[in-house]
Amino acid sequence: MTLPASAQGLGGRLPSDGERKTANTLRRLLAT
């Protein structure tokens, strides 16, 4: 399975709190 580029950049670590907030913000923008 190929990881997204963002996950590859993190070396497979779980996203940090700030990264989760950024992802949530992007999802909200895409949902509108």
C-alpha atoms as a PDB file:
ATOM      1  CA  MET A   1       0.000   0.000   0.000  1.00  0.00           C
ATOM      2  CA  THR A   2       1.353   3.411  -0.955  1.00  0.00           C
ATOM      3  CA  LEU A   3       1.153   6.094   1.705  1.00  0.00           C
ATOM      4  CA  PRO A   4       0.111   9.630   0.805  1.00  0.00           C
ATOM      5  CA  ALA A   5       3.000  12.047   0.281  1.00  0.00           C
ATOM      6  CA  SER A   6       2.211  13.728   3.601  1.00  0.00           C
ATOM      7  CA  ALA A   7       2.528  10.425   5.467  1.00  0.00           C
ATOM      8  CA  GLN A   8       5.795   9.628   3.672  1.00  0.00           C
ATOM      9  CA  GLY A   9       7.186  12.994   4.756  1.00  0.00           C
ATOM     10  CA  LEU A  10       6.354  12.123   8.358  1.00  0.00           C
ATOM     11  CA  GLY A  11       8.159   8.807   8.084  1.00  0.00           C
ATOM     12  CA  GLY A  12       4.917   6.972   8.840  1.00  0.00           C
ATOM     13  CA  ARG A  13       4.361   8.740  12.185  1.00  0.00           C
ATOM     14  CA  LEU A  14       0.871   9.698  13.251  1.00  0.00           C
ATOM     15  CA  PRO A  15       0.022  13.302  12.374  1.00  0.00           C
ATOM     16  CA  SER A  16       0.676  15.853  15.096  1.00  0.00           C
ATOM     17  CA  ASP A  17      -2.113  17.904  16.630  1.00  0.00           C
ATOM     18  CA  GLY A  18      -1.306  20.848  14.366  1.00  0.00           C
ATOM     19  CA  GLU A  19      -1.298  18.644  11.287  1.00  0.00           C
ATOM     20  CA  ARG A  20      -4.698  17.209  12.230  1.00  0.00           C
ATOM     21  CA  LYS A  21      -6.067  20.748  12.607  1.00  0.00           C
ATOM     22  CA  THR A  22      -4.704  21.668   9.177  1.00  0.00           C
ATOM     23  CA  ALA A  23      -6.279  18.569   7.630  1.00  0.00           C
ATOM     24  CA  ASN A  24      -9.602  19.330   9.312  1.00  0.00           C
ATOM     25  CA  THR A  25      -9.495  22.898   7.997  1.00  0.00           C
ATOM     26  CA  LEU A  26      -8.799  21.677   4.461  1.00  0.00           C
ATOM     27  CA  ARG A  27     -11.696  19.208   4.696  1.00  0.00           C
ATOM     28  CA  ARG A  28     -14.033  21.993   5.803  1.00  0.00           C
ATOM     29  CA  LEU A  29     -12.959  24.160   2.864  1.00  0.00           C
ATOM     30  CA  LEU A  30     -13.519  21.280   0.445  1.00  0.00           C
ATOM     31  CA  ALA A  31     -16.912  20.489   1.971  1.00  0.00           C
ATOM     32  CA  THR A  32     -18.315  23.975   1.408  1.00  0.00           C
END
